[in-house]
Amino acid sequence: MTETKVMKARNSLVAWGYWAHNHRNYIHYAESRPIPVNLAPGSLPFTTDCPGIVTMFAKWSGISDPNGAGYSGWGYSGTLLAHLQPIPFHN
Protein backbone atom coordinates (compact mmCIF):
# COMPACT_ATOMS: atom_id res chain seq x y z
CA MET A 1 0.00 0.00 0.00
CA THR A 2 1.42 3.40 -0.92
CA GLU A 3 1.87 6.05 1.72
CA THR A 4 -1.02 8.04 0.23
CA LYS A 5 -3.35 5.02 0.43
CA VAL A 6 -2.24 4.33 3.99
CA MET A 7 -3.04 7.91 5.02
CA LYS A 8 -6.44 7.79 3.27
CA ALA A 9 -7.25 4.51 5.03
CA ARG A 10 -6.12 5.92 8.38
CA ASN A 11 -8.16 9.08 7.90
CA SER A 12 -11.18 7.01 6.93
CA LEU A 13 -10.87 4.83 10.05
CA VAL A 14 -10.61 7.94 12.23
CA ALA A 15 -13.64 9.47 10.51
CA TRP A 16 -15.68 6.31 11.15
CA GLY A 17 -14.65 6.50 14.80
CA TYR A 18 -16.03 10.04 15.04
CA TRP A 19 -19.13 8.92 13.17
CA ALA A 20 -19.66 6.10 15.69
CA HIS A 21 -19.35 8.52 18.59
CA ASN A 22 -21.92 10.83 17.01
CA HIS A 23 -24.30 7.89 16.43
CA ARG A 24 -23.60 5.98 19.64
CA ASN A 25 -27.29 5.78 20.55
CA TYR A 26 -27.84 3.54 17.50
CA ILE A 27 -24.86 1.24 18.02
CA HIS A 28 -25.53 -1.56 20.46
CA TYR A 29 -23.09 -3.87 22.21
CA ALA A 30 -23.24 -7.66 22.16
CA GLU A 31 -20.61 -10.35 21.79
CA SER A 32 -22.18 -12.16 18.88
CA ARG A 33 -21.03 -13.59 15.60
CA PRO A 34 -21.01 -13.23 12.72
CA ILE A 35 -19.88 -9.61 12.71
CA PRO A 36 -22.35 -7.62 10.57
CA VAL A 37 -19.71 -6.92 7.89
CA ASN A 38 -22.19 -6.83 5.01
CA LEU A 39 -24.00 -3.71 6.18
CA ALA A 40 -23.67 -0.78 3.82
CA PRO A 41 -21.36 1.94 5.18
CA GLY A 42 -23.26 4.16 7.58
CA SER A 43 -26.08 1.70 8.22
CA LEU A 44 -27.86 2.10 11.52
CA PRO A 45 -28.77 0.63 13.92
CA PHE A 46 -26.44 -2.30 14.40
CA THR A 47 -25.12 -4.51 17.19
CA THR A 48 -21.52 -5.64 17.56
CA ASP A 49 -18.59 -5.65 19.98
CA CYS A 50 -15.20 -3.91 19.98
CA PRO A 51 -13.42 -6.23 17.50
CA GLY A 52 -16.59 -6.20 15.40
CA ILE A 53 -16.67 -2.45 15.01
CA VAL A 54 -12.96 -2.38 14.14
CA THR A 55 -13.62 -5.01 11.46
CA MET A 56 -16.64 -3.15 10.08
CA PHE A 57 -14.78 0.16 9.92
CA ALA A 58 -11.82 -1.49 8.20
CA LYS A 59 -14.18 -2.85 5.53
CA TRP A 60 -15.96 0.48 5.18
CA SER A 61 -12.53 2.11 4.75
CA GLY A 62 -11.47 -0.30 1.98
CA ILE A 63 -8.85 -2.08 4.08
CA SER A 64 -8.31 -5.85 3.98
CA ASP A 65 -9.90 -7.85 6.81
CA PRO A 66 -7.80 -7.22 9.94
CA ASN A 67 -8.80 -10.70 11.18
CA GLY A 68 -7.34 -12.41 8.12
CA ALA A 69 -10.71 -14.06 7.45
CA GLY A 70 -11.66 -12.37 4.18
CA TYR A 71 -14.57 -10.55 5.82
CA SER A 72 -16.38 -13.79 6.60
CA GLY A 73 -17.83 -12.17 9.73
CA TRP A 74 -15.63 -14.19 12.06
CA GLY A 75 -12.91 -12.86 14.29
CA TYR A 76 -12.24 -11.59 17.78
CA SER A 77 -9.53 -9.68 19.65
CA GLY A 78 -7.10 -12.59 19.26
CA THR A 79 -7.42 -12.70 15.47
CA LEU A 80 -6.94 -8.93 15.30
CA LEU A 81 -3.78 -9.21 17.39
CA ALA A 82 -2.51 -12.09 15.26
CA HIS A 83 -2.97 -10.24 11.96
CA LEU A 84 -2.28 -6.58 12.69
CA GLN A 85 1.20 -5.08 12.78
CA PRO A 86 2.22 -4.10 16.31
CA ILE A 87 3.02 -0.45 16.88
CA PRO A 88 5.81 -0.13 19.46
CA PHE A 89 5.78 2.46 22.20
CA HIS A 90 8.70 4.88 22.12
CA ASN A 91 9.96 6.85 25.08
PDB file of N, CA and C in Angstrom:
ATOM      1  N   MET A   1       0.847  -1.168   0.000  1.00  0.00           N
ATOM      2  CA  MET A   1       0.000   0.000   0.000  1.00  0.00           C
ATOM      3  C   MET A   1       0.897   1.237   0.000  1.00  0.00           C
ATOM      4  N   THR A   2       0.604   2.180  -0.872  1.00  0.00           N
ATOM      5  CA  THR A   2       1.416   3.397  -0.925  1.00  0.00           C
ATOM      6  C   THR A   2       1.134   4.257   0.305  1.00  0.00           C
ATOM      7  N   GLU A   3       2.049   5.174   0.563  1.00  0.00           N
ATOM      8  CA  GLU A   3       1.874   6.051   1.723  1.00  0.00           C
ATOM      9  C   GLU A   3       0.574   6.845   1.623  1.00  0.00           C
ATOM     10  N   THR A   4       0.220   7.289   0.422  1.00  0.00           N
ATOM     11  CA  THR A   4      -1.023   8.039   0.230  1.00  0.00           C
ATOM     12  C   THR A   4      -2.234   7.177   0.567  1.00  0.00           C
ATOM     13  N   LYS A   5      -2.235   5.914   0.124  1.00  0.00           N
ATOM     14  CA  LYS A   5      -3.348   5.016   0.426  1.00  0.00           C
ATOM     15  C   LYS A   5      -3.424   4.725   1.923  1.00  0.00           C
ATOM     16  N   VAL A   6      -2.272   4.575   2.547  1.00  0.00           N
ATOM     17  CA  VAL A   6      -2.242   4.327   3.993  1.00  0.00           C
ATOM     18  C   VAL A   6      -2.859   5.509   4.737  1.00  0.00           C
ATOM     19  N   MET A   7      -2.497   6.724   4.356  1.00  0.00           N
ATOM     20  CA  MET A   7      -3.042   7.910   5.018  1.00  0.00           C
ATOM     21  C   MET A   7      -4.545   8.041   4.762  1.00  0.00           C
ATOM     22  N   LYS A   8      -5.004   7.741   3.564  1.00  0.00           N
ATOM     23  CA  LYS A   8      -6.439   7.790   3.275  1.00  0.00           C
ATOM     24  C   LYS A   8      -7.190   6.769   4.115  1.00  0.00           C
ATOM     25  N   ALA A   9      -6.629   5.558   4.223  1.00  0.00           N
ATOM     26  CA  ALA A   9      -7.250   4.512   5.033  1.00  0.00           C
ATOM     27  C   ALA A   9      -7.285   4.922   6.497  1.00  0.00           C
ATOM     28  N   ARG A  10      -6.175   5.458   6.987  1.00  0.00           N
ATOM     29  CA  ARG A  10      -6.121   5.915   8.377  1.00  0.00           C
ATOM     30  C   ARG A  10      -7.149   7.002   8.624  1.00  0.00           C
ATOM     31  N   ASN A  11      -7.209   7.983   7.741  1.00  0.00           N
ATOM     32  CA  ASN A  11      -8.165   9.076   7.900  1.00  0.00           C
ATOM     33  C   ASN A  11      -9.597   8.573   7.853  1.00  0.00           C
ATOM     34  N   SER A  12      -9.850   7.589   7.006  1.00  0.00           N
ATOM     35  CA  SER A  12     -11.183   7.009   6.928  1.00  0.00           C
ATOM     36  C   SER A  12     -11.541   6.293   8.231  1.00  0.00           C
ATOM     37  N   LEU A  13     -10.614   5.519   8.776  1.00  0.00           N
ATOM     38  CA  LEU A  13     -10.865   4.833  10.051  1.00  0.00           C
ATOM     39  C   LEU A  13     -11.160   5.837  11.159  1.00  0.00           C
ATOM     40  N   VAL A  14     -10.386   6.905  11.216  1.00  0.00           N
ATOM     41  CA  VAL A  14     -10.605   7.940  12.235  1.00  0.00           C
ATOM     42  C   VAL A  14     -11.981   8.579  12.042  1.00  0.00           C
ATOM     43  N   ALA A  15     -12.333   8.866  10.794  1.00  0.00           N
ATOM     44  CA  ALA A  15     -13.636   9.473  10.507  1.00  0.00           C
ATOM     45  C   ALA A  15     -14.779   8.552  10.944  1.00  0.00           C
ATOM     46  N   TRP A  16     -14.640   7.245  10.699  1.00  0.00           N
ATOM     47  CA  TRP A  16     -15.676   6.310  11.148  1.00  0.00           C
ATOM     48  C   TRP A  16     -15.758   6.268  12.670  1.00  0.00           C
ATOM     49  N   GLY A  17     -14.628   6.433  13.345  1.00  0.00           N
ATOM     50  CA  GLY A  17     -14.647   6.498  14.805  1.00  0.00           C
ATOM     51  C   GLY A  17     -15.451   7.687  15.306  1.00  0.00           C
ATOM     52  N   TYR A  18     -15.243   8.855  14.694  1.00  0.00           N
ATOM     53  CA  TYR A  18     -16.030  10.040  15.045  1.00  0.00           C
ATOM     54  C   TYR A  18     -17.509   9.823  14.714  1.00  0.00           C
ATOM     55  N   TRP A  19     -17.759   9.218  13.570  1.00  0.00           N
ATOM     56  CA  TRP A  19     -19.135   8.917  13.171  1.00  0.00           C
ATOM     57  C   TRP A  19     -19.808   8.042  14.222  1.00  0.00           C
ATOM     58  N   ALA A  20     -19.095   7.004  14.685  1.00  0.00           N
ATOM     59  CA  ALA A  20     -19.656   6.100  15.692  1.00  0.00           C
ATOM     60  C   ALA A  20     -19.980   6.852  16.978  1.00  0.00           C
ATOM     61  N   HIS A  21     -19.086   7.737  17.378  1.00  0.00           N
ATOM     62  CA  HIS A  21     -19.345   8.523  18.595  1.00  0.00           C
ATOM     63  C   HIS A  21     -20.615   9.358  18.414  1.00  0.00           C
ATOM     64  N   ASN A  22     -20.759   9.979  17.261  1.00  0.00           N
ATOM     65  CA  ASN A  22     -21.921  10.830  17.010  1.00  0.00           C
ATOM     66  C   ASN A  22     -23.221  10.039  16.865  1.00  0.00           C
ATOM     67  N   HIS A  23     -23.116   8.740  16.600  1.00  0.00           N
ATOM     68  CA  HIS A  23     -24.297   7.890  16.430  1.00  0.00           C
ATOM     69  C   HIS A  23     -24.376   6.794  17.489  1.00  0.00           C
ATOM     70  N   ARG A  24     -23.724   7.007  18.608  1.00  0.00           N
ATOM     71  CA  ARG A  24     -23.599   5.977  19.643  1.00  0.00           C
ATOM     72  C   ARG A  24     -24.940   5.457  20.165  1.00  0.00           C
ATOM     73  N   ASN A  25     -25.986   6.247  20.069  1.00  0.00           N
ATOM     74  CA  ASN A  25     -27.286   5.781  20.554  1.00  0.00           C
ATOM     75  C   ASN A  25     -27.892   4.714  19.646  1.00  0.00           C
ATOM     76  N   TYR A  26     -27.324   4.514  18.462  1.00  0.00           N
ATOM     77  CA  TYR A  26     -27.836   3.542  17.497  1.00  0.00           C
ATOM     78  C   TYR A  26     -26.906   2.340  17.325  1.00  0.00           C
ATOM     79  N   ILE A  27     -25.822   2.341  18.084  1.00  0.00           N
ATOM     80  CA  ILE A  27     -24.858   1.240  18.017  1.00  0.00           C
ATOM     81  C   ILE A  27     -24.937   0.494  19.338  1.00  0.00           C
ATOM     82  N   HIS A  28     -25.290  -0.771  19.258  1.00  0.00           N
ATOM     83  CA  HIS A  28     -25.532  -1.564  20.461  1.00  0.00           C
ATOM     84  C   HIS A  28     -24.439  -2.613  20.625  1.00  0.00           C
ATOM     85  N   TYR A  29     -24.168  -2.945  21.894  1.00  0.00           N
ATOM     86  CA  TYR A  29     -23.088  -3.870  22.206  1.00  0.00           C
ATOM     87  C   TYR A  29     -23.623  -5.268  22.484  1.00  0.00           C
ATOM     88  N   ALA A  30     -23.010  -6.242  21.851  1.00  0.00           N
ATOM     89  CA  ALA A  30     -23.240  -7.655  22.157  1.00  0.00           C
ATOM     90  C   ALA A  30     -22.086  -8.446  21.573  1.00  0.00           C
ATOM     91  N   GLU A  31     -21.638  -9.438  22.307  1.00  0.00           N
ATOM     92  CA  GLU A  31     -20.609 -10.347  21.789  1.00  0.00           C
ATOM     93  C   GLU A  31     -21.316 -11.438  20.997  1.00  0.00           C
ATOM     94  N   SER A  32     -21.500 -11.180  19.721  1.00  0.00           N
ATOM     95  CA  SER A  32     -22.177 -12.161  18.881  1.00  0.00           C
ATOM     96  C   SER A  32     -21.472 -12.238  17.534  1.00  0.00           C
ATOM     97  N   ARG A  33     -21.588 -13.360  16.912  1.00  0.00           N
ATOM     98  CA  ARG A  33     -21.025 -13.589  15.596  1.00  0.00           C
ATOM     99  C   ARG A  33     -22.097 -14.185  14.722  1.00  0.00           C
ATOM    100  N   PRO A  34     -22.066 -13.935  13.441  1.00  0.00           N
ATOM    101  CA  PRO A  34     -21.013 -13.229  12.722  1.00  0.00           C
ATOM    102  C   PRO A  34     -21.086 -11.718  12.918  1.00  0.00           C
ATOM    103  N   ILE A  35     -19.947 -11.066  12.714  1.00  0.00           N
ATOM    104  CA  ILE A  35     -19.878  -9.609  12.713  1.00  0.00           C
ATOM    105  C   ILE A  35     -20.707  -9.135  11.520  1.00  0.00           C
ATOM    106  N   PRO A  36     -21.512  -8.084  11.674  1.00  0.00           N
ATOM    107  CA  PRO A  36     -22.353  -7.625  10.567  1.00  0.00           C
ATOM    108  C   PRO A  36     -21.561  -6.864   9.495  1.00  0.00           C
ATOM    109  N   VAL A  37     -20.620  -7.553   8.858  1.00  0.00           N
ATOM    110  CA  VAL A  37     -19.714  -6.918   7.895  1.00  0.00           C
ATOM    111  C   VAL A  37     -20.375  -6.573   6.568  1.00  0.00           C
ATOM    112  N   ASN A  38     -21.558  -7.095   6.305  1.00  0.00           N
ATOM    113  CA  ASN A  38     -22.189  -6.835   5.012  1.00  0.00           C
ATOM    114  C   ASN A  38     -23.160  -5.663   5.043  1.00  0.00           C
ATOM    115  N   LEU A  39     -23.186  -4.926   6.135  1.00  0.00           N
ATOM    116  CA  LEU A  39     -23.996  -3.713   6.175  1.00  0.00           C
ATOM    117  C   LEU A  39     -23.355  -2.659   5.286  1.00  0.00           C
ATOM    118  N   ALA A  40     -24.185  -1.895   4.623  1.00  0.00           N
ATOM    119  CA  ALA A  40     -23.669  -0.783   3.818  1.00  0.00           C
ATOM    120  C   ALA A  40     -23.044   0.251   4.758  1.00  0.00           C
ATOM    121  N   PRO A  41     -21.986   0.915   4.334  1.00  0.00           N
ATOM    122  CA  PRO A  41     -21.364   1.938   5.179  1.00  0.00           C
ATOM    123  C   PRO A  41     -22.393   2.959   5.669  1.00  0.00           C
ATOM    124  N   GLY A  42     -22.363   3.195   6.962  1.00  0.00           N
ATOM    125  CA  GLY A  42     -23.262   4.156   7.580  1.00  0.00           C
ATOM    126  C   GLY A  42     -24.613   3.610   7.967  1.00  0.00           C
ATOM    127  N   SER A  43     -24.805   2.297   7.833  1.00  0.00           N
ATOM    128  CA  SER A  43     -26.083   1.699   8.215  1.00  0.00           C
ATOM    129  C   SER A  43     -26.283   1.771   9.719  1.00  0.00           C
ATOM    130  N   LEU A  44     -27.491   2.064  10.111  1.00  0.00           N
ATOM    131  CA  LEU A  44     -27.861   2.098  11.524  1.00  0.00           C
ATOM    132  C   LEU A  44     -29.262   1.528  11.659  1.00  0.00           C
ATOM    133  N   PRO A  45     -29.625   0.986  12.792  1.00  0.00           N
ATOM    134  CA  PRO A  45     -28.767   0.633  13.916  1.00  0.00           C
ATOM    135  C   PRO A  45     -28.053  -0.679  13.629  1.00  0.00           C
ATOM    136  N   PHE A  46     -27.069  -0.996  14.471  1.00  0.00           N
ATOM    137  CA  PHE A  46     -26.438  -2.304  14.405  1.00  0.00           C
ATOM    138  C   PHE A  46     -25.916  -2.676  15.773  1.00  0.00           C
ATOM    139  N   THR A  47     -25.620  -3.962  15.927  1.00  0.00           N
ATOM    140  CA  THR A  47     -25.119  -4.505  17.185  1.00  0.00           C
ATOM    141  C   THR A  47     -23.832  -5.244  16.903  1.00  0.00           C
ATOM    142  N   THR A  48     -22.803  -4.956  17.688  1.00  0.00           N
ATOM    143  CA  THR A  48     -21.522  -5.645  17.564  1.00  0.00           C
ATOM    144  C   THR A  48     -20.725  -5.408  18.833  1.00  0.00           C
ATOM    145  N   ASP A  49     -19.486  -5.888  18.850  1.00  0.00           N
ATOM    146  CA  ASP A  49     -18.594  -5.654  19.981  1.00  0.00           C
ATOM    147  C   ASP A  49     -17.375  -4.884  19.482  1.00  0.00           C
ATOM    148  N   CYS A  50     -16.375  -4.725  20.340  1.00  0.00           N
ATOM    149  CA  CYS A  50     -15.204  -3.910  19.982  1.00  0.00           C
ATOM    150  C   CYS A  50     -14.456  -4.446  18.755  1.00  0.00           C
ATOM    151  N   PRO A  51     -14.081  -5.731  18.704  1.00  0.00           N
ATOM    152  CA  PRO A  51     -13.423  -6.225  17.500  1.00  0.00           C
ATOM    153  C   PRO A  51     -14.337  -6.153  16.278  1.00  0.00           C
ATOM    154  N   GLY A  52     -15.648  -6.282  16.499  1.00  0.00           N
ATOM    155  CA  GLY A  52     -16.589  -6.204  15.403  1.00  0.00           C
ATOM    156  C   GLY A  52     -16.616  -4.829  14.762  1.00  0.00           C
ATOM    157  N   ILE A  53     -16.610  -3.792  15.572  1.00  0.00           N
ATOM    158  CA  ILE A  53     -16.669  -2.450  15.007  1.00  0.00           C
ATOM    159  C   ILE A  53     -15.362  -2.104  14.296  1.00  0.00           C
ATOM    160  N   VAL A  54     -14.236  -2.585  14.819  1.00  0.00           N
ATOM    161  CA  VAL A  54     -12.956  -2.382  14.137  1.00  0.00           C
ATOM    162  C   VAL A  54     -13.001  -3.056  12.767  1.00  0.00           C
ATOM    163  N   THR A  55     -13.525  -4.262  12.716  1.00  0.00           N
ATOM    164  CA  THR A  55     -13.615  -5.007  11.464  1.00  0.00           C
ATOM    165  C   THR A  55     -14.546  -4.306  10.481  1.00  0.00           C
ATOM    166  N   MET A  56     -15.703  -3.851  10.960  1.00  0.00           N
ATOM    167  CA  MET A  56     -16.638  -3.149  10.084  1.00  0.00           C
ATOM    168  C   MET A  56     -16.019  -1.875   9.520  1.00  0.00           C
ATOM    169  N   PHE A  57     -15.375  -1.097  10.377  1.00  0.00           N
ATOM    170  CA  PHE A  57     -14.783   0.162   9.918  1.00  0.00           C
ATOM    171  C   PHE A  57     -13.627  -0.078   8.965  1.00  0.00           C
ATOM    172  N   ALA A  58     -12.886  -1.156   9.154  1.00  0.00           N
ATOM    173  CA  ALA A  58     -11.824  -1.495   8.202  1.00  0.00           C
ATOM    174  C   ALA A  58     -12.440  -1.775   6.832  1.00  0.00           C
ATOM    175  N   LYS A  59     -13.522  -2.548   6.810  1.00  0.00           N
ATOM    176  CA  LYS A  59     -14.180  -2.849   5.529  1.00  0.00           C
ATOM    177  C   LYS A  59     -14.725  -1.576   4.899  1.00  0.00           C
ATOM    178  N   TRP A  60     -15.393  -0.752   5.695  1.00  0.00           N
ATOM    179  CA  TRP A  60     -15.962   0.485   5.182  1.00  0.00           C
ATOM    180  C   TRP A  60     -14.880   1.438   4.687  1.00  0.00           C
ATOM    181  N   SER A  61     -13.648   1.257   5.166  1.00  0.00           N
ATOM    182  CA  SER A  61     -12.529   2.108   4.745  1.00  0.00           C
ATOM    183  C   SER A  61     -11.745   1.513   3.587  1.00  0.00           C
ATOM    184  N   GLY A  62     -12.140   0.321   3.120  1.00  0.00           N
ATOM    185  CA  GLY A  62     -11.465  -0.298   1.981  1.00  0.00           C
ATOM    186  C   GLY A  62     -10.181  -1.013   2.339  1.00  0.00           C
ATOM    187  N   ILE A  63     -10.041  -1.401   3.587  1.00  0.00           N
ATOM    188  CA  ILE A  63      -8.847  -2.081   4.083  1.00  0.00           C
ATOM    189  C   ILE A  63      -9.129  -3.586   4.121  1.00  0.00           C
ATOM    190  N   SER A  64      -8.110  -4.405   3.910  1.00  0.00           N
ATOM    191  CA  SER A  64      -8.314  -5.850   3.984  1.00  0.00           C
ATOM    192  C   SER A  64      -8.701  -6.256   5.411  1.00  0.00           C
ATOM    193  N   ASP A  65      -9.378  -7.386   5.523  1.00  0.00           N
ATOM    194  CA  ASP A  65      -9.895  -7.848   6.812  1.00  0.00           C
ATOM    195  C   ASP A  65      -8.778  -7.947   7.847  1.00  0.00           C
ATOM    196  N   PRO A  66      -8.858  -7.177   8.930  1.00  0.00           N
ATOM    197  CA  PRO A  66      -7.805  -7.218   9.940  1.00  0.00           C
ATOM    198  C   PRO A  66      -7.766  -8.525  10.738  1.00  0.00           C
ATOM    199  N   ASN A  67      -8.776  -9.382  10.539  1.00  0.00           N
ATOM    200  CA  ASN A  67      -8.799 -10.700  11.180  1.00  0.00           C
ATOM    201  C   ASN A  67      -8.172 -11.769  10.303  1.00  0.00           C
ATOM    202  N   GLY A  68      -7.892 -11.428   9.050  1.00  0.00           N
ATOM    203  CA  GLY A  68      -7.340 -12.412   8.122  1.00  0.00           C
ATOM    204  C   GLY A  68      -8.358 -13.436   7.671  1.00  0.00           C
ATOM    205  N   ALA A  69      -9.651 -13.104   7.769  1.00  0.00           N
ATOM    206  CA  ALA A  69     -10.706 -14.062   7.449  1.00  0.00           C
ATOM    207  C   ALA A  69     -11.485 -13.694   6.191  1.00  0.00           C
ATOM    208  N   GLY A  70     -10.981 -12.743   5.421  1.00  0.00           N
ATOM    209  CA  GLY A  70     -11.655 -12.375   4.177  1.00  0.00           C
ATOM    210  C   GLY A  70     -13.052 -11.817   4.380  1.00  0.00           C
ATOM    211  N   TYR A  71     -13.261 -11.131   5.486  1.00  0.00           N
ATOM    212  CA  TYR A  71     -14.568 -10.551   5.820  1.00  0.00           C
ATOM    213  C   TYR A  71     -15.677 -11.591   5.831  1.00  0.00           C
ATOM    214  N   SER A  72     -15.374 -12.733   6.447  1.00  0.00           N
ATOM    215  CA  SER A  72     -16.377 -13.790   6.602  1.00  0.00           C
ATOM    216  C   SER A  72     -17.347 -13.481   7.743  1.00  0.00           C
ATOM    217  N   GLY A  73     -17.013 -12.481   8.560  1.00  0.00           N
ATOM    218  CA  GLY A  73     -17.834 -12.166   9.728  1.00  0.00           C
ATOM    219  C   GLY A  73     -17.310 -12.793  11.008  1.00  0.00           C
ATOM    220  N   TRP A  74     -16.211 -13.529  10.896  1.00  0.00           N
ATOM    221  CA  TRP A  74     -15.633 -14.189  12.064  1.00  0.00           C
ATOM    222  C   TRP A  74     -14.351 -13.492  12.470  1.00  0.00           C
ATOM    223  N   GLY A  75     -14.114 -13.458  13.741  1.00  0.00           N
ATOM    224  CA  GLY A  75     -12.914 -12.855  14.290  1.00  0.00           C
ATOM    225  C   GLY A  75     -13.193 -12.348  15.690  1.00  0.00           C
ATOM    226  N   TYR A  76     -12.139 -12.085  16.406  1.00  0.00           N
ATOM    227  CA  TYR A  76     -12.236 -11.586  17.780  1.00  0.00           C
ATOM    228  C   TYR A  76     -10.925 -10.876  18.082  1.00  0.00           C
ATOM    229  N   SER A  77     -10.748 -10.426  19.298  1.00  0.00           N
ATOM    230  CA  SER A  77      -9.529  -9.681  19.648  1.00  0.00           C
ATOM    231  C   SER A  77      -8.268 -10.463  19.303  1.00  0.00           C
ATOM    232  N   GLY A  78      -8.279 -11.759  19.536  1.00  0.00           N
ATOM    233  CA  GLY A  78      -7.103 -12.586  19.259  1.00  0.00           C
ATOM    234  C   GLY A  78      -6.742 -12.637  17.784  1.00  0.00           C
ATOM    235  N   THR A  79      -7.735 -12.685  16.905  1.00  0.00           N
ATOM    236  CA  THR A  79      -7.421 -12.704  15.475  1.00  0.00           C
ATOM    237  C   THR A  79      -6.933 -11.334  15.011  1.00  0.00           C
ATOM    238  N   LEU A  80      -7.461 -10.267  15.612  1.00  0.00           N
ATOM    239  CA  LEU A  80      -6.937  -8.932  15.296  1.00  0.00           C
ATOM    240  C   LEU A  80      -5.469  -8.837  15.696  1.00  0.00           C
ATOM    241  N   LEU A  81      -5.164  -9.273  16.910  1.00  0.00           N
ATOM    242  CA  LEU A  81      -3.777  -9.209  17.391  1.00  0.00           C
ATOM    243  C   LEU A  81      -2.845 -10.077  16.552  1.00  0.00           C
ATOM    244  N   ALA A  82      -3.349 -11.182  16.057  1.00  0.00           N
ATOM    245  CA  ALA A  82      -2.513 -12.088  15.265  1.00  0.00           C
ATOM    246  C   ALA A  82      -2.244 -11.556  13.856  1.00  0.00           C
ATOM    247  N   HIS A  83      -3.106 -10.673  13.347  1.00  0.00           N
ATOM    248  CA  HIS A  83      -2.975 -10.239  11.959  1.00  0.00           C
ATOM    249  C   HIS A  83      -2.580  -8.779  11.771  1.00  0.00           C
ATOM    250  N   LEU A  84      -2.639  -7.991  12.816  1.00  0.00           N
ATOM    251  CA  LEU A  84      -2.281  -6.576  12.690  1.00  0.00           C
ATOM    252  C   LEU A  84      -0.822  -6.365  13.092  1.00  0.00           C
ATOM    253  N   GLN A  85      -0.205  -5.397  12.468  1.00  0.00           N
ATOM    254  CA  GLN A  85       1.196  -5.078  12.781  1.00  0.00           C
ATOM    255  C   GLN A  85       1.261  -4.342  14.107  1.00  0.00           C
ATOM    256  N   PRO A  86       2.079  -4.815  15.034  1.00  0.00           N
ATOM    257  CA  PRO A  86       2.221  -4.104  16.309  1.00  0.00           C
ATOM    258  C   PRO A  86       2.856  -2.735  16.109  1.00  0.00           C
ATOM    259  N   ILE A  87       2.427  -1.785  16.885  1.00  0.00           N
ATOM    260  CA  ILE A  87       3.025  -0.449  16.878  1.00  0.00           C
ATOM    261  C   ILE A  87       3.737  -0.282  18.214  1.00  0.00           C
ATOM    262  N   PRO A  88       5.064  -0.218  18.191  1.00  0.00           N
ATOM    263  CA  PRO A  88       5.811  -0.131  19.458  1.00  0.00           C
ATOM    264  C   PRO A  88       5.649   1.234  20.122  1.00  0.00           C
ATOM    265  N   PHE A  89       5.761   1.221  21.434  1.00  0.00           N
ATOM    266  CA  PHE A  89       5.781   2.464  22.199  1.00  0.00           C
ATOM    267  C   PHE A  89       7.206   2.978  22.225  1.00  0.00           C
ATOM    268  N   HIS A  90       7.374   4.263  22.060  1.00  0.00           N
ATOM    269  CA  HIS A  90       8.695   4.878  22.119  1.00  0.00           C
ATOM    270  C   HIS A  90       8.711   5.879  23.261  1.00  0.00           C
ATOM    271  N   ASN A  91       9.817   5.883  23.968  1.00  0.00           N
ATOM    272  CA  ASN A  91       9.958   6.848  25.081  1.00  0.00           C
ATOM    273  C   ASN A  91      10.654   8.083  24.587  1.00  0.00           C
TER     274      ASN A  91
END
